[in-house]
Each structure stands twice: as structure tokens, then as C-alpha cells.
Amino acid sequence: PSIVNIVACVDYGVPLDLCKIATHARNAEYNPKRFPAVTIRIPDPKATALAFKNGKVNIVGCTTEDDAYLSARKFGRIFKNLGFNVQMKSFNIANIVATMNCQFPIHLESLASSKHKLFCTYNPEGFSGLIYRVNQKPKCTFLVFVSGKIIVTGAKKIEHIHSAINYLYPILQQYARNFQGKDDDDDQ
């Protein structure tokens, strides 16, 4: 799997003046009628922060946990340079999103109607992918597509993604689409 996004939550412990941040910081946008947070972007590591007036910040766009932590420190430095007495009270990873490719097509209808149907949500008229929720630890949600491509979300650690994929991959292999096999015979 390849990590495409990490969402981190940071609490700097002091209220932030969002108007001051928007007018004095580079790459900052603030439209309180649209969203109650300032959006700030930094180029290295590439990350976007949503800063709320209570001092809590959500950081998105990083691809490693170290980059997310470094981004949190850089956003803290930006706030400090604007005169806010910030300290990183807490930092935690809220969500990791990854993608992978099984390299084989998957028969979603069979999976959705199998013994795994308790974990599946599949409505091809509303969304082309099957949603597979792993309810055991680690809890993750998979978006499985007929092409064999998968999006994994809901993990808090990269190891959780690997263990959840190790759980799901053998299940998906059972429902690999066999174009010459049994499915074609049933249609005749």
C-alpha cells in the first residue's frame, strides 16, 4: 500500500486570532461565512492546516508521520512569529489514507452476497465501489473497486493498514473475477 494522506490533530493550547493569521501569514485564506477556520499551506513538507480559533489545528496532506509532526512544528512557528504564545499540547494522528492495487479484478456482487455481507455495503447505482468495514482491531474501512484497486481509510498507524490488508487480501483472492471460469457458464 502507498500512503496518500495523513490527517493529524494538534492542540496549541491558546486561542488564535484568525483574522490576524489570515492577514499576516503567507498562503493563508479565511472566509468565515464558508468555513470557521483559516487555511494555511506550507510547501516543505507539503501540508495544509485548518486552524480554528480555539487553538486546535488539523493538518492534512502529509504522506509520513514524521512529515505531519514536522508540519505541526512549522505551523506552530508561524503562529509564534505572529505573536501567539503557542506550545504543542497534544499531537495525534487521526486518520491515514492509503491506496493499493490487488492486480486482479474482484467480483463485488459475490463478495457483497457472501458470508462477508455483514461487513459490506454495496449499492452500484449510488457508488461504484464496495465498502468493507473491518470491525475488529485495527478498525479500517476499505473501498474496493471491481478493477482491484483499494482505498484504505480509518487507520491511526501505518502498521494498522498493513495488518488490515493482510486480513482482507486473502478474502479478496477468493472473489477474484475469473473470466474463463464458472461465472461465464452460469450465464448460458
C-alpha atoms as a PDB file:
ATOM      1  CA  PRO A   1       0.000   0.000   0.000  1.00  0.00           C
ATOM      2  CA  SER A   2       1.100   3.569  -0.571  1.00  0.00           C
ATOM      3  CA  ILE A   3       0.173   6.298   1.894  1.00  0.00           C
ATOM      4  CA  VAL A   4      -1.576   9.217   0.186  1.00  0.00           C
ATOM      5  CA  ASN A   5      -2.724  11.337   3.139  1.00  0.00           C
ATOM      6  CA  ILE A   6      -2.262  11.617   6.871  1.00  0.00           C
ATOM      7  CA  VAL A   7      -4.618  13.720   8.978  1.00  0.00           C
ATOM      8  CA  ALA A   8      -3.105  14.969  12.229  1.00  0.00           C
ATOM      9  CA  CYS A   9      -4.726  16.939  15.060  1.00  0.00           C
ATOM     10  CA  VAL A  10      -2.708  19.422  17.099  1.00  0.00           C
ATOM     11  CA  ASP A  11      -3.680  21.493  20.128  1.00  0.00           C
ATOM     12  CA  TYR A  12      -1.503  24.579  20.617  1.00  0.00           C
ATOM     13  CA  GLY A  13      -3.206  25.475  23.887  1.00  0.00           C
ATOM     14  CA  VAL A  14      -4.005  29.149  23.206  1.00  0.00           C
ATOM     15  CA  PRO A  15      -6.838  30.890  21.328  1.00  0.00           C
ATOM     16  CA  LEU A  16      -5.883  32.087  17.862  1.00  0.00           C
ATOM     17  CA  ASP A  17      -6.937  35.349  16.205  1.00  0.00           C
ATOM     18  CA  LEU A  18      -7.925  34.003  12.791  1.00  0.00           C
ATOM     19  CA  CYS A  19      -8.204  37.442  11.150  1.00  0.00           C
ATOM     20  CA  LYS A  20      -4.656  38.306  12.231  1.00  0.00           C
ATOM     21  CA  ILE A  21      -3.346  34.998  10.896  1.00  0.00           C
ATOM     22  CA  ALA A  22      -5.170  35.431   7.575  1.00  0.00           C
ATOM     23  CA  THR A  23      -3.848  38.953   7.042  1.00  0.00           C
ATOM     24  CA  HIS A  24      -0.256  38.432   8.222  1.00  0.00           C
ATOM     25  CA  ALA A  25       0.663  34.853   7.264  1.00  0.00           C
ATOM     26  CA  ARG A  26       1.682  33.746   3.783  1.00  0.00           C
ATOM     27  CA  ASN A  27      -0.548  31.334   1.880  1.00  0.00           C
ATOM     28  CA  ALA A  28      -3.445  31.839   4.295  1.00  0.00           C
ATOM     29  CA  GLU A  29      -7.138  32.044   3.405  1.00  0.00           C
ATOM     30  CA  TYR A  30     -10.065  32.864   5.638  1.00  0.00           C
ATOM     31  CA  ASN A  31     -13.713  33.082   4.704  1.00  0.00           C
ATOM     32  CA  PRO A  32     -15.724  32.762   7.948  1.00  0.00           C
ATOM     33  CA  LYS A  33     -19.035  32.614   6.067  1.00  0.00           C
ATOM     34  CA  ARG A  34     -17.851  29.491   4.268  1.00  0.00           C
ATOM     35  CA  PHE A  35     -15.744  27.718   6.925  1.00  0.00           C
ATOM     36  CA  PRO A  36     -14.823  28.680  10.506  1.00  0.00           C
ATOM     37  CA  ALA A  37     -11.081  28.089  10.136  1.00  0.00           C
ATOM     38  CA  VAL A  38      -8.062  29.668   8.476  1.00  0.00           C
ATOM     39  CA  THR A  39      -6.466  27.522   5.763  1.00  0.00           C
ATOM     40  CA  ILE A  40      -2.674  27.801   5.689  1.00  0.00           C
ATOM     41  CA  ARG A  41      -0.375  25.975   3.280  1.00  0.00           C
ATOM     42  CA  ILE A  42       3.350  25.275   3.519  1.00  0.00           C
ATOM     43  CA  PRO A  43       5.484  23.866   0.693  1.00  0.00           C
ATOM     44  CA  ASP A  44       8.018  21.708   2.579  1.00  0.00           C
ATOM     45  CA  PRO A  45       6.793  19.319   3.767  1.00  0.00           C
ATOM     46  CA  LYS A  46       3.743  19.910   1.604  1.00  0.00           C
ATOM     47  CA  ALA A  47       0.865  20.309   4.060  1.00  0.00           C
ATOM     48  CA  THR A  48      -2.310  22.254   4.692  1.00  0.00           C
ATOM     49  CA  ALA A  49      -3.512  23.351   8.128  1.00  0.00           C
ATOM     50  CA  LEU A  50      -7.019  24.223   9.193  1.00  0.00           C
ATOM     51  CA  ALA A  51      -6.553  26.488  12.222  1.00  0.00           C
ATOM     52  CA  PHE A  52      -9.542  27.064  14.492  1.00  0.00           C
ATOM     53  CA  LYS A  53      -9.917  29.941  16.956  1.00  0.00           C
ATOM     54  CA  ASN A  54      -9.744  27.595  19.988  1.00  0.00           C
ATOM     55  CA  GLY A  55      -6.097  26.806  19.129  1.00  0.00           C
ATOM     56  CA  LYS A  56      -6.742  23.412  17.594  1.00  0.00           C
ATOM     57  CA  VAL A  57      -5.360  22.696  14.139  1.00  0.00           C
ATOM     58  CA  ASN A  58      -5.993  19.870  11.680  1.00  0.00           C
ATOM     59  CA  ILE A  59      -3.108  19.117   9.329  1.00  0.00           C
ATOM     60  CA  VAL A  60      -3.726  17.279   6.054  1.00  0.00           C
ATOM     61  CA  GLY A  61      -1.690  16.359   3.009  1.00  0.00           C
ATOM     62  CA  CYS A  62       1.375  14.708   4.537  1.00  0.00           C
ATOM     63  CA  THR A  63       2.471  11.227   3.489  1.00  0.00           C
ATOM     64  CA  THR A  64       4.537  10.246   6.532  1.00  0.00           C
ATOM     65  CA  GLU A  65       4.004  10.593  10.267  1.00  0.00           C
ATOM     66  CA  ASP A  66       7.342  12.421  10.556  1.00  0.00           C
ATOM     67  CA  ASP A  67       6.247  14.970   7.930  1.00  0.00           C
ATOM     68  CA  ALA A  68       2.985  15.519   9.814  1.00  0.00           C
ATOM     69  CA  TYR A  69       4.888  16.186  13.057  1.00  0.00           C
ATOM     70  CA  LEU A  70       7.376  18.474  11.281  1.00  0.00           C
ATOM     71  CA  SER A  71       4.436  20.361   9.722  1.00  0.00           C
ATOM     72  CA  ALA A  72       2.873  20.797  13.156  1.00  0.00           C
ATOM     73  CA  ARG A  73       6.122  22.327  14.417  1.00  0.00           C
ATOM     74  CA  LYS A  74       6.341  24.634  11.369  1.00  0.00           C
ATOM     75  CA  PHE A  75       2.754  25.824  11.757  1.00  0.00           C
ATOM     76  CA  GLY A  76       3.490  26.422  15.458  1.00  0.00           C
ATOM     77  CA  ARG A  77       6.487  28.532  14.466  1.00  0.00           C
ATOM     78  CA  ILE A  78       4.290  30.564  12.090  1.00  0.00           C
ATOM     79  CA  PHE A  79       1.852  31.271  14.951  1.00  0.00           C
ATOM     80  CA  LYS A  80       4.724  32.126  17.326  1.00  0.00           C
ATOM     81  CA  ASN A  81       6.143  34.615  14.796  1.00  0.00           C
ATOM     82  CA  LEU A  82       2.708  36.275  14.691  1.00  0.00           C
ATOM     83  CA  GLY A  83       2.814  36.820  18.467  1.00  0.00           C
ATOM     84  CA  PHE A  84       0.825  33.849  19.775  1.00  0.00           C
ATOM     85  CA  ASN A  85       2.323  32.051  22.784  1.00  0.00           C
ATOM     86  CA  VAL A  86       1.775  28.561  21.382  1.00  0.00           C
ATOM     87  CA  GLN A  87       3.029  25.265  22.745  1.00  0.00           C
ATOM     88  CA  MET A  88       2.224  21.895  21.264  1.00  0.00           C
ATOM     89  CA  LYS A  89      -0.033  20.483  23.999  1.00  0.00           C
ATOM     90  CA  SER A  90      -1.026  17.410  22.011  1.00  0.00           C
ATOM     91  CA  PHE A  91      -0.307  15.831  18.650  1.00  0.00           C
ATOM     92  CA  ASN A  92      -2.041  12.755  17.320  1.00  0.00           C
ATOM     93  CA  ILE A  93      -2.703  11.054  14.020  1.00  0.00           C
ATOM     94  CA  ALA A  94      -6.458  10.977  13.400  1.00  0.00           C
ATOM     95  CA  ASN A  95      -6.581   9.140  10.063  1.00  0.00           C
ATOM     96  CA  ILE A  96      -4.296   7.572   7.482  1.00  0.00           C
ATOM     97  CA  VAL A  97      -5.448   7.036   3.906  1.00  0.00           C
ATOM     98  CA  ALA A  98      -3.657   4.576   1.619  1.00  0.00           C
ATOM     99  CA  THR A  99      -4.217   3.073  -1.804  1.00  0.00           C
ATOM    100  CA  MET A 100      -3.212  -0.256  -3.276  1.00  0.00           C
ATOM    101  CA  ASN A 101      -3.814  -2.425  -6.304  1.00  0.00           C
ATOM    102  CA  CYS A 102      -4.531  -6.164  -5.960  1.00  0.00           C
ATOM    103  CA  GLN A 103      -3.534  -6.723  -9.617  1.00  0.00           C
ATOM    104  CA  PHE A 104      -6.683  -8.763 -10.244  1.00  0.00           C
ATOM    105  CA  PRO A 105     -10.340  -7.818 -10.802  1.00  0.00           C
ATOM    106  CA  ILE A 106     -12.799  -8.558  -7.979  1.00  0.00           C
ATOM    107  CA  HIS A 107     -16.357  -9.845  -8.286  1.00  0.00           C
ATOM    108  CA  LEU A 108     -18.062  -7.336  -5.963  1.00  0.00           C
ATOM    109  CA  GLU A 109     -21.574  -8.817  -6.247  1.00  0.00           C
ATOM    110  CA  SER A 110     -20.346 -12.202  -4.998  1.00  0.00           C
ATOM    111  CA  LEU A 111     -18.440 -10.642  -2.123  1.00  0.00           C
ATOM    112  CA  ALA A 112     -21.433  -8.498  -1.112  1.00  0.00           C
ATOM    113  CA  SER A 113     -23.758 -11.531  -1.005  1.00  0.00           C
ATOM    114  CA  SER A 114     -21.311 -13.936   0.692  1.00  0.00           C
ATOM    115  CA  LYS A 115     -20.717 -14.734   4.352  1.00  0.00           C
ATOM    116  CA  HIS A 116     -18.931 -11.344   4.489  1.00  0.00           C
ATOM    117  CA  LYS A 117     -22.144  -9.408   3.758  1.00  0.00           C
ATOM    118  CA  LEU A 118     -22.299  -8.194   7.380  1.00  0.00           C
ATOM    119  CA  PHE A 119     -19.159  -6.142   6.704  1.00  0.00           C
ATOM    120  CA  CYS A 120     -20.100  -4.996   3.194  1.00  0.00           C
ATOM    121  CA  THR A 121     -22.137  -2.133   1.819  1.00  0.00           C
ATOM    122  CA  TYR A 122     -22.634  -2.313  -1.922  1.00  0.00           C
ATOM    123  CA  ASN A 123     -25.052  -0.262  -3.995  1.00  0.00           C
ATOM    124  CA  PRO A 124     -23.641   0.059  -7.524  1.00  0.00           C
ATOM    125  CA  GLU A 125     -26.303   2.600  -8.512  1.00  0.00           C
ATOM    126  CA  GLY A 126     -25.106   5.005  -5.811  1.00  0.00           C
ATOM    127  CA  PHE A 127     -21.366   4.280  -5.682  1.00  0.00           C
ATOM    128  CA  SER A 128     -19.287   2.005  -7.879  1.00  0.00           C
ATOM    129  CA  GLY A 129     -17.182   0.605  -5.042  1.00  0.00           C
ATOM    130  CA  LEU A 130     -17.923  -1.876  -2.293  1.00  0.00           C
ATOM    131  CA  ILE A 131     -17.414  -0.561   1.251  1.00  0.00           C
ATOM    132  CA  TYR A 132     -15.887  -3.216   3.502  1.00  0.00           C
ATOM    133  CA  ARG A 133     -15.654  -2.351   7.202  1.00  0.00           C
ATOM    134  CA  VAL A 134     -13.266  -4.327   9.381  1.00  0.00           C
ATOM    135  CA  ASN A 135     -14.829  -4.243  12.850  1.00  0.00           C
ATOM    136  CA  GLN A 136     -12.006  -5.988  14.675  1.00  0.00           C
ATOM    137  CA  LYS A 137      -8.804  -4.285  15.736  1.00  0.00           C
ATOM    138  CA  PRO A 138      -7.460  -2.459  13.861  1.00  0.00           C
ATOM    139  CA  LYS A 139     -10.669  -0.871  12.616  1.00  0.00           C
ATOM    140  CA  CYS A 140     -10.334   0.202   8.999  1.00  0.00           C
ATOM    141  CA  THR A 141     -12.658   0.833   6.098  1.00  0.00           C
ATOM    142  CA  PHE A 142     -11.865  -0.343   2.593  1.00  0.00           C
ATOM    143  CA  LEU A 143     -13.309   0.975  -0.644  1.00  0.00           C
ATOM    144  CA  VAL A 144     -12.938  -1.968  -3.018  1.00  0.00           C
ATOM    145  CA  PHE A 145     -13.385  -1.483  -6.766  1.00  0.00           C
ATOM    146  CA  VAL A 146     -14.013  -4.100  -9.440  1.00  0.00           C
ATOM    147  CA  SER A 147     -10.642  -3.221 -11.035  1.00  0.00           C
ATOM    148  CA  GLY A 148      -8.835  -4.498  -7.921  1.00  0.00           C
ATOM    149  CA  LYS A 149      -7.925  -1.038  -6.699  1.00  0.00           C
ATOM    150  CA  ILE A 150      -8.487  -0.387  -3.000  1.00  0.00           C
ATOM    151  CA  ILE A 151      -8.585   2.698  -0.792  1.00  0.00           C
ATOM    152  CA  VAL A 152      -7.929   2.124   2.922  1.00  0.00           C
ATOM    153  CA  THR A 153      -9.030   4.692   5.484  1.00  0.00           C
ATOM    154  CA  GLY A 154      -9.621   4.967   9.207  1.00  0.00           C
ATOM    155  CA  ALA A 155      -6.255   3.678  10.440  1.00  0.00           C
ATOM    156  CA  LYS A 156      -4.342   5.549  13.124  1.00  0.00           C
ATOM    157  CA  LYS A 157      -0.970   3.866  12.478  1.00  0.00           C
ATOM    158  CA  ILE A 158       0.725   2.602   9.338  1.00  0.00           C
ATOM    159  CA  GLU A 159       1.076  -0.855  10.948  1.00  0.00           C
ATOM    160  CA  HIS A 160      -2.719  -0.970  11.261  1.00  0.00           C
ATOM    161  CA  ILE A 161      -3.048  -0.550   7.496  1.00  0.00           C
ATOM    162  CA  HIS A 162      -0.659  -3.432   6.877  1.00  0.00           C
ATOM    163  CA  SER A 163      -2.414  -5.770   9.315  1.00  0.00           C
ATOM    164  CA  ALA A 164      -5.863  -4.859   7.949  1.00  0.00           C
ATOM    165  CA  ILE A 165      -4.677  -5.519   4.386  1.00  0.00           C
ATOM    166  CA  ASN A 166      -3.195  -8.847   5.498  1.00  0.00           C
ATOM    167  CA  TYR A 167      -6.671  -9.697   6.832  1.00  0.00           C
ATOM    168  CA  LEU A 168      -8.596  -8.581   3.717  1.00  0.00           C
ATOM    169  CA  TYR A 169      -6.304  -9.706   0.880  1.00  0.00           C
ATOM    170  CA  PRO A 170      -6.993 -13.483   1.226  1.00  0.00           C
ATOM    171  CA  ILE A 171     -10.730 -12.721   1.264  1.00  0.00           C
ATOM    172  CA  LEU A 172     -10.419 -10.696  -1.938  1.00  0.00           C
ATOM    173  CA  GLN A 173      -8.438 -13.514  -3.586  1.00  0.00           C
ATOM    174  CA  GLN A 174     -11.447 -15.804  -3.058  1.00  0.00           C
ATOM    175  CA  TYR A 175     -13.567 -13.370  -5.081  1.00  0.00           C
ATOM    176  CA  ALA A 176     -11.071 -12.708  -7.860  1.00  0.00           C
ATOM    177  CA  ARG A 177     -13.011 -12.481 -11.074  1.00  0.00           C
ATOM    178  CA  ASN A 178     -12.350 -15.480 -13.291  1.00  0.00           C
ATOM    179  CA  PHE A 179     -13.413 -14.505 -16.800  1.00  0.00           C
ATOM    180  CA  GLN A 180     -12.996 -18.007 -18.272  1.00  0.00           C
ATOM    181  CA  GLY A 181     -14.428 -19.876 -15.311  1.00  0.00           C
ATOM    182  CA  LYS A 182     -17.664 -20.610 -13.561  1.00  0.00           C
ATOM    183  CA  ASP A 183     -19.228 -17.140 -13.954  1.00  0.00           C
ATOM    184  CA  ASP A 184     -19.466 -17.471 -17.757  1.00  0.00           C
ATOM    185  CA  ASP A 185     -21.062 -20.953 -17.536  1.00  0.00           C
ATOM    186  CA  ASP A 186     -23.815 -19.618 -15.248  1.00  0.00           C
ATOM    187  CA  ASP A 187     -24.830 -17.000 -17.815  1.00  0.00           C
ATOM    188  CA  GLN A 188     -25.587 -19.611 -20.536  1.00  0.00           C
END
